[in-house]
Amino acid sequence: MIQMLAMTASMMLVGWIVWKVINRHEDGDAALQSRLDDDDRRAAIGRGEQMPEDRPADD
């Protein structure tokens, strides 16, 4: 039982560390953020949502 709890805690710790490292890398990557924003825009259009007025569509 203790081993299962220790394994679960260690997996959560490793997951948290990986998540923090990835977030730190993504924060400094403007090109990645631009691609993610473009993907969000295309997904919103696919769902039939209105485009936000502060960012015009470039289609």
PDB file of N, CA and C in Angstrom:
ATOM      1  N   MET A   1       0.824  -1.198   0.000  1.00  0.00           N
ATOM      2  CA  MET A   1       0.000   0.000   0.000  1.00  0.00           C
ATOM      3  C   MET A   1       0.872   1.266   0.000  1.00  0.00           C
ATOM      4  N   ILE A   2       1.877   1.273   0.853  1.00  0.00           N
ATOM      5  CA  ILE A   2       2.780   2.427   0.921  1.00  0.00           C
ATOM      6  C   ILE A   2       3.529   2.588  -0.399  1.00  0.00           C
ATOM      7  N   GLN A   3       3.911   1.465  -0.999  1.00  0.00           N
ATOM      8  CA  GLN A   3       4.628   1.528  -2.276  1.00  0.00           C
ATOM      9  C   GLN A   3       3.747   2.141  -3.358  1.00  0.00           C
ATOM     10  N   MET A   4       2.460   1.803  -3.366  1.00  0.00           N
ATOM     11  CA  MET A   4       1.544   2.362  -4.367  1.00  0.00           C
ATOM     12  C   MET A   4       1.393   3.865  -4.173  1.00  0.00           C
ATOM     13  N   LEU A   5       1.285   4.308  -2.932  1.00  0.00           N
ATOM     14  CA  LEU A   5       1.175   5.738  -2.656  1.00  0.00           C
ATOM     15  C   LEU A   5       2.456   6.470  -3.045  1.00  0.00           C
ATOM     16  N   ALA A   6       3.597   5.868  -2.752  1.00  0.00           N
ATOM     17  CA  ALA A   6       4.874   6.482  -3.117  1.00  0.00           C
ATOM     18  C   ALA A   6       5.022   6.564  -4.631  1.00  0.00           C
ATOM     19  N   MET A   7       4.618   5.511  -5.334  1.00  0.00           N
ATOM     20  CA  MET A   7       4.698   5.514  -6.795  1.00  0.00           C
ATOM     21  C   MET A   7       3.773   6.580  -7.378  1.00  0.00           C
ATOM     22  N   THR A   8       2.562   6.683  -6.843  1.00  0.00           N
ATOM     23  CA  THR A   8       1.619   7.696  -7.318  1.00  0.00           C
ATOM     24  C   THR A   8       2.168   9.097  -7.079  1.00  0.00           C
ATOM     25  N   ALA A   9       2.702   9.335  -5.890  1.00  0.00           N
ATOM     26  CA  ALA A   9       3.263  10.647  -5.574  1.00  0.00           C
ATOM     27  C   ALA A   9       4.450  10.964  -6.477  1.00  0.00           C
ATOM     28  N   SER A  10       5.300   9.983  -6.737  1.00  0.00           N
ATOM     29  CA  SER A  10       6.460  10.244  -7.592  1.00  0.00           C
ATOM     30  C   SER A  10       6.029  10.507  -9.033  1.00  0.00           C
ATOM     31  N   MET A  11       5.009   9.807  -9.510  1.00  0.00           N
ATOM     32  CA  MET A  11       4.518  10.058 -10.874  1.00  0.00           C
ATOM     33  C   MET A  11       3.915  11.455 -10.975  1.00  0.00           C
ATOM     34  N   MET A  12       3.194  11.874  -9.930  1.00  0.00           N
ATOM     35  CA  MET A  12       2.624  13.224  -9.931  1.00  0.00           C
ATOM     36  C   MET A  12       3.730  14.273  -9.914  1.00  0.00           C
ATOM     37  N   LEU A  13       4.777  14.034  -9.153  1.00  0.00           N
ATOM     38  CA  LEU A  13       5.897  14.967  -9.089  1.00  0.00           C
ATOM     39  C   LEU A  13       6.594  15.076 -10.443  1.00  0.00           C
ATOM     40  N   VAL A  14       6.854  13.957 -11.077  1.00  0.00           N
ATOM     41  CA  VAL A  14       7.489  13.970 -12.398  1.00  0.00           C
ATOM     42  C   VAL A  14       6.594  14.689 -13.401  1.00  0.00           C
ATOM     43  N   GLY A  15       5.296  14.426 -13.372  1.00  0.00           N
ATOM     44  CA  GLY A  15       4.366  15.101 -14.273  1.00  0.00           C
ATOM     45  C   GLY A  15       4.369  16.603 -14.065  1.00  0.00           C
ATOM     46  N   TRP A  16       4.398  17.038 -12.814  1.00  0.00           N
ATOM     47  CA  TRP A  16       4.403  18.466 -12.507  1.00  0.00           C
ATOM     48  C   TRP A  16       5.689  19.121 -13.009  1.00  0.00           C
ATOM     49  N   ILE A  17       6.826  18.444 -12.806  1.00  0.00           N
ATOM     50  CA  ILE A  17       8.110  18.987 -13.269  1.00  0.00           C
ATOM     51  C   ILE A  17       8.123  19.109 -14.790  1.00  0.00           C
ATOM     52  N   VAL A  18       7.661  18.083 -15.483  1.00  0.00           N
ATOM     53  CA  VAL A  18       7.611  18.128 -16.951  1.00  0.00           C
ATOM     54  C   VAL A  18       6.693  19.249 -17.408  1.00  0.00           C
ATOM     55  N   TRP A  19       5.538  19.400 -16.751  1.00  0.00           N
ATOM     56  CA  TRP A  19       4.591  20.457 -17.104  1.00  0.00           C
ATOM     57  C   TRP A  19       5.230  21.833 -16.951  1.00  0.00           C
ATOM     58  N   LYS A  20       5.964  22.054 -15.845  1.00  0.00           N
ATOM     59  CA  LYS A  20       6.622  23.342 -15.623  1.00  0.00           C
ATOM     60  C   LYS A  20       7.697  23.609 -16.681  1.00  0.00           C
ATOM     61  N   VAL A  21       8.484  22.595 -17.021  1.00  0.00           N
ATOM     62  CA  VAL A  21       9.544  22.764 -18.027  1.00  0.00           C
ATOM     63  C   VAL A  21       8.932  23.104 -19.381  1.00  0.00           C
ATOM     64  N   ILE A  22       7.869  22.405 -19.759  1.00  0.00           N
ATOM     65  CA  ILE A  22       7.216  22.673 -21.044  1.00  0.00           C
ATOM     66  C   ILE A  22       6.618  24.070 -21.055  1.00  0.00           C
ATOM     67  N   ASN A  23       5.969  24.484 -19.969  1.00  0.00           N
ATOM     68  CA  ASN A  23       5.397  25.831 -19.910  1.00  0.00           C
ATOM     69  C   ASN A  23       6.473  26.896 -20.017  1.00  0.00           C
ATOM     70  N   ARG A  24       7.610  26.683 -19.374  1.00  0.00           N
ATOM     71  CA  ARG A  24       8.699  27.654 -19.448  1.00  0.00           C
ATOM     72  C   ARG A  24       9.210  27.767 -20.883  1.00  0.00           C
ATOM     73  N   HIS A  25       9.308  26.632 -21.568  1.00  0.00           N
ATOM     74  CA  HIS A  25       9.767  26.629 -22.956  1.00  0.00           C
ATOM     75  C   HIS A  25       8.748  27.324 -23.860  1.00  0.00           C
ATOM     76  N   GLU A  26       7.457  27.045 -23.654  1.00  0.00           N
ATOM     77  CA  GLU A  26       6.419  27.638 -24.492  1.00  0.00           C
ATOM     78  C   GLU A  26       6.306  29.140 -24.276  1.00  0.00           C
ATOM     79  N   ASP A  27       6.533  29.621 -23.051  1.00  0.00           N
ATOM     80  CA  ASP A  27       6.428  31.051 -22.772  1.00  0.00           C
ATOM     81  C   ASP A  27       7.422  31.867 -23.579  1.00  0.00           C
ATOM     82  N   GLY A  28       8.573  31.305 -23.887  1.00  0.00           N
ATOM     83  CA  GLY A  28       9.592  32.037 -24.624  1.00  0.00           C
ATOM     84  C   GLY A  28       9.533  31.835 -26.125  1.00  0.00           C
ATOM     85  N   ASP A  29       8.512  31.141 -26.623  1.00  0.00           N
ATOM     86  CA  ASP A  29       8.442  30.796 -28.043  1.00  0.00           C
ATOM     87  C   ASP A  29       7.280  31.539 -28.707  1.00  0.00           C
ATOM     88  N   ALA A  30       7.576  32.703 -29.279  1.00  0.00           N
ATOM     89  CA  ALA A  30       6.536  33.520 -29.900  1.00  0.00           C
ATOM     90  C   ALA A  30       5.946  32.844 -31.134  1.00  0.00           C
ATOM     91  N   ALA A  31       6.757  32.117 -31.886  1.00  0.00           N
ATOM     92  CA  ALA A  31       6.254  31.437 -33.086  1.00  0.00           C
ATOM     93  C   ALA A  31       5.253  30.354 -32.706  1.00  0.00           C
ATOM     94  N   LEU A  32       5.546  29.612 -31.646  1.00  0.00           N
ATOM     95  CA  LEU A  32       4.610  28.585 -31.185  1.00  0.00           C
ATOM     96  C   LEU A  32       3.309  29.220 -30.724  1.00  0.00           C
ATOM     97  N   GLN A  33       3.394  30.316 -29.975  1.00  0.00           N
ATOM     98  CA  GLN A  33       2.184  30.987 -29.505  1.00  0.00           C
ATOM     99  C   GLN A  33       1.355  31.484 -30.673  1.00  0.00           C
ATOM    100  N   SER A  34       1.997  31.984 -31.705  1.00  0.00           N
ATOM    101  CA  SER A  34       1.282  32.438 -32.893  1.00  0.00           C
ATOM    102  C   SER A  34       0.556  31.278 -33.563  1.00  0.00           C
ATOM    103  N   ARG A  35       1.226  30.131 -33.683  1.00  0.00           N
ATOM    104  CA  ARG A  35       0.576  28.955 -34.283  1.00  0.00           C
ATOM    105  C   ARG A  35      -0.598  28.478 -33.435  1.00  0.00           C
ATOM    106  N   LEU A  36      -0.442  28.504 -32.109  1.00  0.00           N
ATOM    107  CA  LEU A  36      -1.544  28.101 -31.232  1.00  0.00           C
ATOM    108  C   LEU A  36      -2.729  29.056 -31.359  1.00  0.00           C
ATOM    109  N   ASP A  37      -2.449  30.368 -31.439  1.00  0.00           N
ATOM    110  CA  ASP A  37      -3.519  31.349 -31.614  1.00  0.00           C
ATOM    111  C   ASP A  37      -4.236  31.147 -32.945  1.00  0.00           C
ATOM    112  N   ASP A  38      -3.471  30.889 -34.005  1.00  0.00           N
ATOM    113  CA  ASP A  38      -4.081  30.631 -35.312  1.00  0.00           C
ATOM    114  C   ASP A  38      -4.950  29.380 -35.277  1.00  0.00           C
ATOM    115  N   ASP A  39      -4.476  28.350 -34.586  1.00  0.00           N
ATOM    116  CA  ASP A  39      -5.251  27.116 -34.463  1.00  0.00           C
ATOM    117  C   ASP A  39      -6.540  27.362 -33.680  1.00  0.00           C
ATOM    118  N   ASP A  40      -6.460  28.151 -32.609  1.00  0.00           N
ATOM    119  CA  ASP A  40      -7.665  28.496 -31.845  1.00  0.00           C
ATOM    120  C   ASP A  40      -8.661  29.251 -32.714  1.00  0.00           C
ATOM    121  N   ARG A  41      -8.139  30.157 -33.549  1.00  0.00           N
ATOM    122  CA  ARG A  41      -9.016  30.933 -34.428  1.00  0.00           C
ATOM    123  C   ARG A  41      -9.713  30.019 -35.426  1.00  0.00           C
ATOM    124  N   ARG A  42      -8.962  29.101 -36.042  1.00  0.00           N
ATOM    125  CA  ARG A  42      -9.565  28.172 -37.002  1.00  0.00           C
ATOM    126  C   ARG A  42     -10.589  27.261 -36.329  1.00  0.00           C
ATOM    127  N   ALA A  43     -10.300  26.828 -35.107  1.00  0.00           N
ATOM    128  CA  ALA A  43     -11.244  25.973 -34.383  1.00  0.00           C
ATOM    129  C   ALA A  43     -12.526  26.735 -34.070  1.00  0.00           C
ATOM    130  N   ALA A  44     -12.404  28.002 -33.700  1.00  0.00           N
ATOM    131  CA  ALA A  44     -13.589  28.810 -33.408  1.00  0.00           C
ATOM    132  C   ALA A  44     -14.431  28.994 -34.660  1.00  0.00           C
ATOM    133  N   ILE A  45     -13.782  29.216 -35.787  1.00  0.00           N
ATOM    134  CA  ILE A  45     -14.513  29.354 -37.048  1.00  0.00           C
ATOM    135  C   ILE A  45     -15.214  28.043 -37.379  1.00  0.00           C
ATOM    136  N   GLY A  46     -14.540  26.918 -37.150  1.00  0.00           N
ATOM    137  CA  GLY A  46     -15.124  25.607 -37.415  1.00  0.00           C
ATOM    138  C   GLY A  46     -16.333  25.326 -36.545  1.00  0.00           C
ATOM    139  N   ARG A  47     -16.351  25.891 -35.336  1.00  0.00           N
ATOM    140  CA  ARG A  47     -17.500  25.719 -34.444  1.00  0.00           C
ATOM    141  C   ARG A  47     -18.596  26.728 -34.736  1.00  0.00           C
ATOM    142  N   GLY A  48     -18.352  27.643 -35.648  1.00  0.00           N
ATOM    143  CA  GLY A  48     -19.347  28.642 -36.010  1.00  0.00           C
ATOM    144  C   GLY A  48     -19.378  29.837 -35.076  1.00  0.00           C
ATOM    145  N   GLU A  49     -18.322  30.035 -34.298  1.00  0.00           N
ATOM    146  CA  GLU A  49     -18.271  31.167 -33.378  1.00  0.00           C
ATOM    147  C   GLU A  49     -17.859  32.431 -34.120  1.00  0.00           C
ATOM    148  N   GLN A  50     -18.227  33.561 -33.564  1.00  0.00           N
ATOM    149  CA  GLN A  50     -17.848  34.845 -34.135  1.00  0.00           C
ATOM    150  C   GLN A  50     -16.380  35.119 -33.841  1.00  0.00           C
ATOM    151  N   MET A  51     -15.721  35.808 -34.761  1.00  0.00           N
ATOM    152  CA  MET A  51     -14.332  36.203 -34.554  1.00  0.00           C
ATOM    153  C   MET A  51     -14.286  37.354 -33.560  1.00  0.00           C
ATOM    154  N   PRO A  52     -13.323  37.361 -32.655  1.00  0.00           N
ATOM    155  CA  PRO A  52     -13.168  38.518 -31.773  1.00  0.00           C
ATOM    156  C   PRO A  52     -12.836  39.750 -32.604  1.00  0.00           C
ATOM    157  N   GLU A  53     -13.373  40.878 -32.195  1.00  0.00           N
ATOM    158  CA  GLU A  53     -13.195  42.096 -32.995  1.00  0.00           C
ATOM    159  C   GLU A  53     -11.790  42.663 -32.901  1.00  0.00           C
ATOM    160  N   ASP A  54     -11.042  42.306 -31.852  1.00  0.00           N
ATOM    161  CA  ASP A  54      -9.697  42.857 -31.725  1.00  0.00           C
ATOM    162  C   ASP A  54      -8.684  42.130 -32.601  1.00  0.00           C
ATOM    163  N   ARG A  55      -9.080  41.017 -33.213  1.00  0.00           N
ATOM    164  CA  ARG A  55      -8.168  40.281 -34.091  1.00  0.00           C
ATOM    165  C   ARG A  55      -8.911  39.910 -35.367  1.00  0.00           C
ATOM    166  N   PRO A  56      -8.716  40.658 -36.429  1.00  0.00           N
ATOM    167  CA  PRO A  56      -9.451  40.370 -37.672  1.00  0.00           C
ATOM    168  C   PRO A  56      -8.983  39.080 -38.336  1.00  0.00           C
ATOM    169  N   ALA A  57      -9.889  38.466 -39.045  1.00  0.00           N
ATOM    170  CA  ALA A  57      -9.549  37.252 -39.799  1.00  0.00           C
ATOM    171  C   ALA A  57      -8.704  37.637 -41.001  1.00  0.00           C
ATOM    172  N   ASP A  58      -7.714  36.820 -41.325  1.00  0.00           N
ATOM    173  CA  ASP A  58      -6.855  37.129 -42.466  1.00  0.00           C
ATOM    174  C   ASP A  58      -7.143  36.201 -43.638  1.00  0.00           C
ATOM    175  N   ASP A  59      -8.372  35.707 -43.733  1.00  0.00           N
ATOM    176  CA  ASP A  59      -8.752  34.821 -44.849  1.00  0.00           C
ATOM    177  C   ASP A  59      -9.115  35.613 -46.069  1.00  0.00           C
TER     178      ASP A  59
END
